[in-house]
């Protein structure tokens, strides 16, 4: 194979080629932009002081399309400063840039000597808190004319570009998920499209740091592996990617994409936190199994709500969902299989599927355990004490509701009872009366947070505020 050819561009030309997509910075297996301000500051300072930057490595397809193989982060930083209004942070060290500038008079006019020659003077500029547009013209010109060296590998295809990215990034700080992604070039574009769905933006609980670290991509490959190839489950993400690259099909990724489309219509704020970096692939696989039950999708969302409130406290064949992975690796095949089987049994019982091992248990025994655990964890009451007091708390709440909350109020919903019981427990623990406060609260509130922990905290804060105001009045 021919040696890479060398090509040098000015910064201005290089960035315009990226903008025009002559050079692309979004190869299927390329990671997202992850540099922080310290890294960007250092790179921009390097350019403005005309120091050396290693060549950018490009891969060229036969149709002349160029792809960035190594240098994607640098290229993203260049664009961010030149066109993204990026401001150099004040934390940068040695922020003074020295340069020669044309001498100007008090009116800003260029000064010349008696022979008409320009007079040059030494100048310096502090780039702290400055954007490109705030630079002196001389430094703008220095930035735009900086020489970007490239080395271009010819006759590349998507597979070859993936290999080159893997090779050149062996020495970089790619994390495990990002590195593993380079082993699934056959489906990298499909995966990227899936992670761009609104599910990963609006209907799940991934923070921005997780997104830049490639967590959604990891979740996609884990889900496809779990949905279609569970018998060959691999613990390491790299091994999953290698396996799927050889054994998966586009239809499998298409099925996941279709499932996400359906979930986007039903997953709201009250359930999206279930789809997090740890458990998303488990619940996405569960939804795939749910689609075979012939039940409307909206009822799956209701199942998730009830799972969080009570079903997760149910033992299925002697095990709780939250205890399956205790003392074990969370990605062990045995753990994944056990979690899925437990959830599927709960789901089948919930929807009345025959032969579930826990139908009777769900119908008769879950409520007390769930309530006691919730109050113990959030109010700080000893759970052994709750065994004796919970019936009394429930009777107290029934009497209090009858006196303070109008019939028809949404606050009387069974979905809100958990947090109200917690308020009763809190009132006895603190020896404070809730009657007047609850009457006022019910008068001004007719809704509640489905997340009962959030709702309890909200009511507790409102009660404390009410009590302070009452003390002030007297």
Protein backbone atom coordinates (compact mmCIF):
# COMPACT_ATOMS: atom_id res chain seq x y z
CA UNK A 1 0.00 0.00 0.00
CA UNK A 2 1.26 3.48 -0.91
CA UNK A 3 2.64 5.72 1.80
CA UNK A 4 0.34 8.50 3.01
CA UNK A 5 0.75 11.67 0.97
CA UNK A 6 1.33 14.96 2.72
CA UNK A 7 -0.86 18.02 2.29
CA UNK A 8 -0.69 21.37 4.08
CA UNK A 9 -3.65 23.73 4.45
CA UNK A 10 -4.00 27.12 6.05
CA UNK A 11 -6.28 27.03 9.09
CA UNK A 12 -8.87 29.04 7.19
CA UNK A 13 -8.86 26.61 4.24
CA UNK A 14 -8.90 23.55 6.51
CA UNK A 15 -11.92 24.73 8.52
CA UNK A 16 -13.81 25.72 5.37
CA UNK A 17 -13.24 22.24 3.96
CA UNK A 18 -14.72 20.79 7.15
CA UNK A 19 -17.68 23.17 6.93
CA UNK A 20 -18.22 22.15 3.29
CA UNK A 21 -17.85 18.44 4.29
CA UNK A 22 -14.91 17.98 1.95
CA UNK A 23 -13.21 16.83 5.14
CA UNK A 24 -15.55 15.09 7.57
CA UNK A 25 -15.11 14.83 11.33
CA UNK A 26 -17.97 12.38 11.93
CA UNK A 27 -16.69 8.97 10.88
CA UNK A 28 -19.06 6.25 12.08
CA UNK A 29 -16.73 5.04 14.84
CA UNK A 30 -15.32 8.46 15.73
CA UNK A 31 -16.04 9.56 19.29
CA UNK A 32 -17.95 12.74 20.13
CA UNK A 33 -16.15 15.99 21.04
CA UNK A 34 -14.99 15.59 24.66
CA UNK A 35 -12.19 18.13 25.22
CA UNK A 36 -12.49 20.44 28.21
CA UNK A 37 -11.62 24.13 28.39
CA UNK A 38 -8.06 23.46 29.59
CA UNK A 39 -7.32 21.37 26.50
CA UNK A 40 -8.95 23.87 24.13
CA UNK A 41 -7.11 26.80 25.72
CA UNK A 42 -3.77 25.05 25.35
CA UNK A 43 -4.37 24.24 21.69
CA UNK A 44 -5.43 27.77 20.78
CA UNK A 45 -2.42 29.21 22.61
CA UNK A 46 -0.21 26.83 20.61
CA UNK A 47 -1.60 28.21 17.36
CA UNK A 48 -1.37 31.86 18.40
CA UNK A 49 2.24 31.44 19.51
CA UNK A 50 2.99 29.56 16.26
CA UNK A 51 4.23 26.45 18.03
CA UNK A 52 4.13 22.95 16.56
CA UNK A 53 1.00 20.80 16.30
CA UNK A 54 1.34 17.21 14.99
CA UNK A 55 -0.23 16.44 11.61
CA UNK A 56 -3.88 15.53 11.31
CA UNK A 57 -4.34 12.04 9.86
CA UNK A 58 -6.97 11.69 7.11
CA UNK A 59 -8.42 8.74 5.25
CA UNK A 60 -9.45 9.29 1.64
CA UNK A 61 -12.12 7.29 -0.18
CA UNK A 62 -11.85 6.66 -3.92
CA UNK A 63 -14.41 9.42 -4.54
CA UNK A 64 -12.01 11.92 -2.85
CA UNK A 65 -14.08 12.19 0.34
CA UNK A 66 -11.72 12.81 3.27
CA UNK A 67 -12.36 11.56 6.81
CA UNK A 68 -10.50 12.63 9.95
CA UNK A 69 -8.81 9.57 11.45
CA UNK A 70 -6.70 11.24 14.12
CA UNK A 71 -7.07 14.89 15.08
CA UNK A 72 -10.85 15.04 15.50
CA UNK A 73 -10.64 16.66 18.92
CA UNK A 74 -8.16 19.26 17.68
CA UNK A 75 -10.33 19.99 14.67
CA UNK A 76 -13.41 20.36 16.87
CA UNK A 77 -11.52 22.77 19.13
CA UNK A 78 -10.36 24.86 16.16
CA UNK A 79 -13.94 25.20 14.91
CA UNK A 80 -15.27 25.95 18.38
CA UNK A 81 -12.87 28.89 18.75
CA UNK A 82 -13.10 30.19 15.18
CA UNK A 83 -16.85 29.90 14.62
CA UNK A 84 -18.41 28.90 17.95
CA UNK A 85 -17.80 32.10 19.93
CA UNK A 86 -15.66 30.10 22.39
CA UNK A 87 -14.11 32.31 25.08
CA UNK A 88 -10.66 31.43 26.42
CA UNK A 89 -11.20 30.68 30.10
CA UNK A 90 -9.49 32.75 32.82
CA UNK A 91 -7.78 29.63 34.16
CA UNK A 92 -5.29 29.60 31.28
CA UNK A 93 -1.68 30.09 32.29
CA UNK A 94 0.82 32.30 30.43
CA UNK A 95 -1.97 33.98 28.49
CA UNK A 96 0.10 36.80 26.98
CA UNK A 97 0.72 36.53 23.23
CA UNK A 98 3.48 38.69 21.74
CA UNK A 99 3.44 39.87 18.14
CA UNK A 100 4.55 42.66 15.82
CA UNK A 101 1.92 45.23 14.92
CA UNK A 102 1.75 48.25 12.66
CA UNK A 103 2.18 51.52 14.50
CA UNK A 104 -1.00 53.64 14.45
CA UNK A 105 -1.73 57.21 15.45
CA UNK A 106 -4.44 58.40 17.83
CA UNK A 107 -6.99 58.16 15.02
CA UNK A 108 -6.12 54.55 14.29
CA UNK A 109 -4.35 55.37 11.04
CA UNK A 110 -1.21 53.43 10.09
CA UNK A 111 2.02 55.44 10.60
CA UNK A 112 4.87 55.37 8.04
CA UNK A 113 8.37 56.82 7.98
CA UNK A 114 9.60 59.50 5.63
CA UNK A 115 10.08 56.96 2.81
CA UNK A 116 6.54 55.56 3.17
CA UNK A 117 7.62 52.38 4.91
CA UNK A 118 5.44 50.90 7.61
CA UNK A 119 6.67 51.28 11.16
CA UNK A 120 6.39 48.09 13.20
CA UNK A 121 6.33 47.84 16.99
CA UNK A 122 6.36 45.04 19.52
CA UNK A 123 2.92 44.37 21.07
CA UNK A 124 1.35 41.92 23.41
CA UNK A 125 -2.22 40.78 24.06
CA UNK A 126 -3.83 38.90 26.94
CA UNK A 127 -6.20 36.27 25.51
CA UNK A 128 -7.98 35.52 28.80
CA UNK A 129 -11.78 35.78 28.40
CA UNK A 130 -11.37 36.59 24.70
CA UNK A 131 -13.11 35.12 21.69
CA UNK A 132 -11.69 35.00 18.17
CA UNK A 133 -13.60 38.17 17.25
CA UNK A 134 -11.94 40.05 20.13
CA UNK A 135 -8.40 39.32 18.94
CA UNK A 136 -6.32 42.04 17.30
CA UNK A 137 -6.33 41.81 13.52
CA UNK A 138 -2.73 40.59 13.54
CA UNK A 139 -3.64 37.60 15.76
CA UNK A 140 -6.74 36.81 13.72
CA UNK A 141 -4.53 36.69 10.67
CA UNK A 142 -1.98 34.54 12.50
CA UNK A 143 -4.71 32.07 13.46
CA UNK A 144 -6.27 31.92 9.98
CA UNK A 145 -2.90 31.48 8.26
CA UNK A 146 -1.56 28.83 10.65
CA UNK A 147 -0.31 25.83 8.68
CA UNK A 148 -2.22 22.59 9.29
CA UNK A 149 -0.18 19.60 8.19
CA UNK A 150 -2.03 16.46 7.16
CA UNK A 151 -1.08 12.93 6.18
CA UNK A 152 -3.63 11.30 3.87
CA UNK A 153 -4.17 7.53 3.59
CA UNK A 154 -5.55 6.82 0.12
CA UNK A 155 -7.97 4.14 -1.15
CA UNK A 156 -9.90 3.84 2.12
CA UNK A 157 -13.37 2.48 2.84
CA UNK A 158 -15.39 2.54 6.11
CA UNK A 159 -13.68 -0.58 7.41
CA UNK A 160 -10.20 0.75 6.67
CA UNK A 161 -11.01 4.10 8.30
CA UNK A 162 -12.24 2.26 11.41
CA UNK A 163 -8.95 0.32 11.56
CA UNK A 164 -6.95 3.54 11.25
CA UNK A 165 -8.94 5.25 14.01
CA UNK A 166 -8.28 2.27 16.26
CA UNK A 167 -4.56 2.29 15.43
CA UNK A 168 -3.96 6.00 15.86
CA UNK A 169 -5.97 6.25 19.07
CA UNK A 170 -4.12 3.49 20.90
CA UNK A 171 -2.08 6.16 22.61
CA UNK A 172 -4.97 8.52 23.41
CA UNK A 173 -7.31 8.73 26.37
CA UNK A 174 -10.25 7.00 24.67
CA UNK A 175 -12.30 5.39 27.44
CA UNK A 176 -13.47 1.77 27.38
CA UNK A 177 -16.81 2.48 25.67
CA UNK A 178 -15.28 4.72 23.02
CA UNK A 179 -12.49 2.27 22.26
CA UNK A 180 -14.91 -0.67 22.10
CA UNK A 181 -17.02 1.20 19.55
CA UNK A 182 -14.22 0.95 17.00
CA UNK A 183 -14.75 -2.83 16.93
CA UNK A 184 -18.23 -2.62 15.44
CA UNK A 185 -17.64 -0.69 12.22
CA UNK A 186 -20.20 -2.79 10.30
CA UNK A 187 -23.01 -1.26 12.34
CA UNK A 188 -21.44 1.93 13.68
CA UNK A 189 -23.60 4.16 11.49
CA UNK A 190 -26.78 2.35 12.59
CA UNK A 191 -25.75 2.76 16.23
CA UNK A 192 -24.98 6.43 15.78
CA UNK A 193 -28.42 7.03 14.27
CA UNK A 194 -30.08 5.21 17.14
CA UNK A 195 -28.24 7.31 19.76
CA UNK A 196 -29.45 10.44 17.97
CA UNK A 197 -33.09 9.46 18.62
CA UNK A 198 -35.03 11.65 21.05
CA UNK A 199 -35.19 8.71 23.47
CA UNK A 200 -31.58 9.38 24.50
CA UNK A 201 -32.28 13.10 24.79
CA UNK A 202 -35.75 13.38 26.35
CA UNK A 203 -36.90 9.95 27.52
CA UNK A 204 -33.93 8.63 29.49
CA UNK A 205 -31.62 9.59 32.32
CA UNK A 206 -28.21 10.04 30.66
CA UNK A 207 -26.31 13.19 31.64
CA UNK A 208 -24.14 15.13 29.22
CA UNK A 209 -20.91 13.69 30.60
CA UNK A 210 -22.17 10.15 29.99
CA UNK A 211 -23.18 11.06 26.45
CA UNK A 212 -19.74 12.43 25.59
CA UNK A 213 -18.13 9.33 27.08
CA UNK A 214 -20.04 7.02 24.72
CA UNK A 215 -22.48 5.54 27.25
CA UNK A 216 -25.52 5.62 24.88
CA UNK A 217 -23.49 3.72 22.27
CA UNK A 218 -22.59 1.14 24.90
CA UNK A 219 -26.23 0.79 25.91
CA UNK A 220 -27.28 0.22 22.29
CA UNK A 221 -24.83 -2.66 21.74
CA UNK A 222 -25.64 -4.19 25.13
CA UNK A 223 -29.35 -4.04 24.33
CA UNK A 224 -29.00 -5.70 20.92
CA UNK A 225 -26.79 -8.37 22.50
CA UNK A 226 -29.32 -8.92 25.27
CA UNK A 227 -32.35 -8.94 22.97
CA UNK A 228 -31.02 -11.27 20.30
CA UNK A 229 -27.83 -12.99 21.49
CA UNK A 230 -28.23 -13.44 25.23
CA UNK A 231 -26.99 -17.03 25.07
CA UNK A 232 -23.63 -15.65 23.87
CA UNK A 233 -23.52 -12.71 26.31
CA UNK A 234 -20.09 -11.15 26.79
CA UNK A 235 -19.12 -9.26 29.93
CA UNK A 236 -16.78 -6.75 28.24
CA UNK A 237 -18.18 -4.12 25.85
CA UNK A 238 -15.28 -4.68 23.44
CA UNK A 239 -16.15 -8.39 23.23
CA UNK A 240 -19.82 -7.56 22.64
CA UNK A 241 -18.88 -5.20 19.79
CA UNK A 242 -16.58 -7.77 18.19
CA UNK A 243 -19.26 -10.46 18.44
CA UNK A 244 -22.04 -8.27 17.00
CA UNK A 245 -19.79 -7.04 14.20
CA UNK A 246 -19.69 -10.64 12.93
CA UNK A 247 -23.07 -11.99 13.99
CA UNK A 248 -25.65 -9.18 14.23
CA UNK A 249 -27.96 -8.00 11.44
CA UNK A 250 -29.28 -4.60 10.44
CA UNK A 251 -32.80 -5.85 11.19
CA UNK A 252 -31.82 -6.34 14.84
CA UNK A 253 -30.71 -2.74 15.16
CA UNK A 254 -33.83 -1.73 13.24
CA UNK A 255 -36.03 -3.56 15.76
CA UNK A 256 -34.37 -1.70 18.63
CA UNK A 257 -34.87 1.61 16.82
CA UNK A 258 -38.57 0.79 16.33
CA UNK A 259 -38.92 -0.12 20.03
CA UNK A 260 -37.38 3.23 20.98
CA UNK A 261 -39.84 5.00 18.68
CA UNK A 262 -42.69 3.37 20.59
CA UNK A 263 -41.15 4.15 23.98
CA UNK A 264 -40.69 7.80 23.04
CA UNK A 265 -44.50 8.08 23.00
CA UNK A 266 -45.06 6.68 26.50
CA UNK A 267 -41.98 7.33 28.66
CA UNK A 268 -42.37 10.59 30.59
CA UNK A 269 -40.60 12.27 33.49
CA UNK A 270 -42.15 9.86 36.01
CA UNK A 271 -40.42 6.83 34.48
CA UNK A 272 -37.47 8.03 32.38
CA UNK A 273 -35.01 7.75 35.28
CA UNK A 274 -35.39 3.95 35.03
CA UNK A 275 -33.52 4.14 31.72
CA UNK A 276 -30.10 5.02 33.11
CA UNK A 277 -26.54 3.96 32.31
CA UNK A 278 -26.77 0.86 34.53
CA UNK A 279 -30.16 -0.68 33.77
CA UNK A 280 -31.31 0.71 30.41
CA UNK A 281 -30.39 -2.37 28.40
CA UNK A 282 -32.27 -4.59 30.87
CA UNK A 283 -35.52 -2.60 30.63
CA UNK A 284 -35.18 -2.11 26.88
CA UNK A 285 -34.91 -5.88 26.51
CA UNK A 286 -37.91 -6.28 28.83
CA UNK A 287 -39.95 -3.95 26.58
CA UNK A 288 -38.99 -6.06 23.58
CA UNK A 289 -40.44 -9.09 25.38
CA UNK A 290 -43.48 -7.02 26.35
CA UNK A 291 -44.23 -6.37 22.67
CA UNK A 292 -45.08 -10.08 22.33
CA UNK A 293 -47.90 -9.90 24.91
CA UNK A 294 -50.37 -8.03 22.71
CA UNK A 295 -50.87 -5.31 25.36
CA UNK A 296 -51.07 -1.60 24.56
CA UNK A 297 -47.73 0.20 24.97
CA UNK A 298 -49.16 2.73 27.45
CA UNK A 299 -49.67 -0.08 29.95
CA UNK A 300 -45.93 -0.78 29.95
CA UNK A 301 -45.38 2.75 31.28
CA UNK A 302 -47.94 2.04 34.01
CA UNK A 303 -46.08 -1.18 34.85
CA UNK A 304 -42.83 0.79 35.23
CA UNK A 305 -44.52 3.25 37.60
CA UNK A 306 -45.86 0.42 39.73
CA UNK A 307 -42.52 -1.35 39.57
CA UNK A 308 -40.82 1.63 41.18
CA UNK A 309 -43.53 2.10 43.78
CA UNK A 310 -44.11 -1.46 44.84
CA UNK A 311 -43.18 -4.31 42.52
CA UNK A 312 -39.43 -3.97 43.02
CA UNK A 313 -40.03 -4.85 46.67
CA UNK A 314 -41.53 -8.23 45.71
CA UNK A 315 -39.44 -11.37 46.02
CA UNK A 316 -39.72 -13.66 43.03
CA UNK A 317 -38.58 -17.19 43.79
CA UNK A 318 -36.75 -15.82 46.83
CA UNK A 319 -34.97 -12.87 45.13
CA UNK A 320 -35.46 -9.10 45.02
CA UNK A 321 -34.51 -7.19 41.87
CA UNK A 322 -32.15 -4.87 43.77
CA UNK A 323 -30.35 -7.78 45.43
CA UNK A 324 -29.69 -9.98 42.40
CA UNK A 325 -26.26 -8.47 41.73
CA UNK A 326 -25.11 -8.09 45.34
CA UNK A 327 -21.65 -9.59 45.69
CA UNK A 328 -21.53 -10.36 41.97
CA UNK A 329 -20.40 -8.60 38.82
CA UNK A 330 -23.28 -6.51 37.48
CA UNK A 331 -22.47 -7.61 33.91
CA UNK A 332 -22.12 -11.34 34.60
CA UNK A 333 -24.32 -13.46 32.34
CA UNK A 334 -25.95 -15.13 35.36
CA UNK A 335 -26.87 -11.74 36.82
CA UNK A 336 -28.29 -10.42 33.56
CA UNK A 337 -30.34 -13.57 33.04
CA UNK A 338 -31.63 -13.54 36.62
CA UNK A 339 -32.68 -9.89 36.44
CA UNK A 340 -34.49 -10.39 33.16
CA UNK A 341 -36.27 -13.52 34.36
CA UNK A 342 -37.35 -11.78 37.58
CA UNK A 343 -38.66 -8.73 35.70
CA UNK A 344 -40.43 -10.86 33.10
CA UNK A 345 -42.14 -12.87 35.85
CA UNK A 346 -43.28 -9.65 37.53
CA UNK A 347 -44.47 -8.26 34.21
CA UNK A 348 -46.35 -11.43 33.29
CA UNK A 349 -48.01 -11.50 36.70
CA UNK A 350 -48.91 -7.82 36.36
CA UNK A 351 -50.62 -8.40 33.03
CA UNK A 352 -52.27 -11.66 34.07
CA UNK A 353 -50.19 -14.06 32.04
CA UNK A 354 -50.84 -17.63 33.18
CA UNK A 355 -48.31 -19.72 35.09
CA UNK A 356 -46.50 -16.75 36.65
CA UNK A 357 -44.88 -17.81 39.95
CA UNK A 358 -45.84 -14.64 41.81
CA UNK A 359 -49.37 -13.57 40.83
CA UNK A 360 -50.88 -14.25 44.23
CA UNK A 361 -47.98 -12.60 46.03
CA UNK A 362 -48.30 -9.41 44.01
CA UNK A 363 -52.02 -9.17 44.62
CA UNK A 364 -51.91 -9.74 48.39
CA UNK A 365 -48.54 -9.03 49.97
CA UNK A 366 -46.51 -6.26 48.39
CA UNK A 367 -48.07 -3.09 49.81
CA UNK A 368 -46.97 -3.27 53.44
CA UNK A 369 -43.34 -4.06 52.59
CA UNK A 370 -43.14 -1.23 50.09
CA UNK A 371 -44.67 1.35 52.44
CA UNK A 372 -42.49 0.40 55.40
CA UNK A 373 -39.30 0.47 53.32
CA UNK A 374 -40.16 3.82 51.77
CA UNK A 375 -40.95 5.48 55.12
CA UNK A 376 -37.91 3.97 56.81
CA UNK A 377 -35.54 5.24 54.10
CA UNK A 378 -37.06 8.72 53.64
CA UNK A 379 -38.39 9.68 57.08
CA UNK A 380 -35.72 7.94 59.12
CA UNK A 381 -38.01 5.72 61.19
CA UNK A 382 -36.75 2.31 62.32
CA UNK A 383 -38.39 -0.34 60.17
CA UNK A 384 -39.03 -2.61 63.17
CA UNK A 385 -41.06 0.19 64.74
CA UNK A 386 -42.99 0.59 61.50
CA UNK A 387 -44.16 -3.01 61.67
CA UNK A 388 -46.25 -1.98 64.73
CA UNK A 389 -47.20 1.57 63.70
CA UNK A 390 -48.03 1.40 59.98
CA UNK A 391 -51.72 0.47 60.50
CA UNK A 392 -52.09 3.39 62.92
CA UNK A 393 -50.49 5.76 60.39
CA UNK A 394 -52.87 4.53 57.71
CA UNK A 395 -55.94 5.10 59.90
CA UNK A 396 -54.68 8.56 60.84
CA UNK A 397 -54.24 9.47 57.17
CA UNK A 398 -57.75 8.29 56.30
CA UNK A 399 -59.25 10.46 59.07
CA UNK A 400 -57.10 13.46 58.12
CA UNK A 401 -57.97 13.20 54.43
CA UNK A 402 -61.69 13.12 55.21
CA UNK A 403 -61.36 16.38 57.15
CA UNK A 404 -59.00 18.32 54.87
CA UNK A 405 -59.13 17.18 51.22
CA UNK A 406 -62.18 17.62 49.01
CA UNK A 407 -63.63 14.59 47.28
CA UNK A 408 -62.35 14.44 43.70
CA UNK A 409 -58.95 15.97 44.45
CA UNK A 410 -56.05 14.27 42.68
CA UNK A 411 -54.24 14.28 46.01
CA UNK A 412 -56.51 11.40 47.05
CA UNK A 413 -55.10 9.17 44.30
CA UNK A 414 -53.67 5.85 45.41
CA UNK A 415 -50.56 6.86 43.48
CA UNK A 416 -50.06 9.68 46.01
CA UNK A 417 -50.73 7.69 49.19
CA UNK A 418 -47.12 6.65 49.78
CA UNK A 419 -45.83 10.21 50.26
CA UNK A 420 -48.85 11.18 52.40
CA UNK A 421 -48.21 8.23 54.69
CA UNK A 422 -44.60 9.39 54.95
CA UNK A 423 -45.86 12.84 56.02
CA UNK A 424 -47.96 11.20 58.75
CA UNK A 425 -44.91 9.29 59.98
CA UNK A 426 -42.89 12.52 59.88
CA UNK A 427 -45.52 14.40 61.90
CA UNK A 428 -45.44 11.80 64.69
CA UNK A 429 -41.67 11.64 64.65
CA UNK A 430 -41.42 15.45 64.99
CA UNK A 431 -44.57 15.75 67.17
CA UNK A 432 -46.17 18.28 64.82
CA UNK A 433 -49.80 18.56 63.78
CA UNK A 434 -50.61 18.42 60.05
CA UNK A 435 -54.33 19.32 60.08
CA UNK A 436 -54.21 23.04 59.28
CA UNK A 437 -51.30 22.70 56.87
CA UNK A 438 -52.88 19.88 54.85
CA UNK A 439 -56.15 21.79 54.55
CA UNK A 440 -54.25 24.79 53.17
CA UNK A 441 -52.04 22.60 50.95
CA UNK A 442 -55.07 20.81 49.48
CA UNK A 443 -56.73 24.16 48.81
CA UNK A 444 -53.80 25.39 46.68
CA UNK A 445 -52.58 22.08 45.21
CA UNK A 446 -54.46 19.54 43.14
CA UNK A 447 -51.53 17.63 41.61
CA UNK A 448 -48.55 15.64 42.83
CA UNK A 449 -45.22 14.25 41.60
CA UNK A 450 -45.44 10.63 40.48
CA UNK A 451 -41.99 10.21 41.97
CA UNK A 452 -43.20 9.78 45.56
CA UNK A 453 -39.83 10.53 47.12
CA UNK A 454 -39.77 13.83 45.23
CA UNK A 455 -43.37 14.51 46.27
CA UNK A 456 -42.63 13.77 49.93
CA UNK A 457 -39.66 16.15 49.93
CA UNK A 458 -41.80 18.81 48.22
CA UNK A 459 -44.62 18.49 50.83
CA UNK A 460 -42.17 18.40 53.73
CA UNK A 461 -40.55 21.67 52.55
CA UNK A 462 -43.98 23.25 52.11
CA UNK A 463 -44.98 22.16 55.63
CA UNK A 464 -41.78 23.56 57.16
CA UNK A 465 -42.32 26.85 55.34
CA UNK A 466 -45.92 26.95 56.59
CA UNK A 467 -44.82 26.38 60.19
CA UNK A 468 -42.22 29.18 60.01
CA UNK A 469 -44.81 31.61 58.70
CA UNK A 470 -47.22 30.57 61.43
CA UNK A 471 -44.59 31.17 64.12
CA UNK A 472 -43.81 34.61 62.64
CA UNK A 473 -47.47 35.65 62.80
CA UNK A 474 -47.63 34.90 66.49
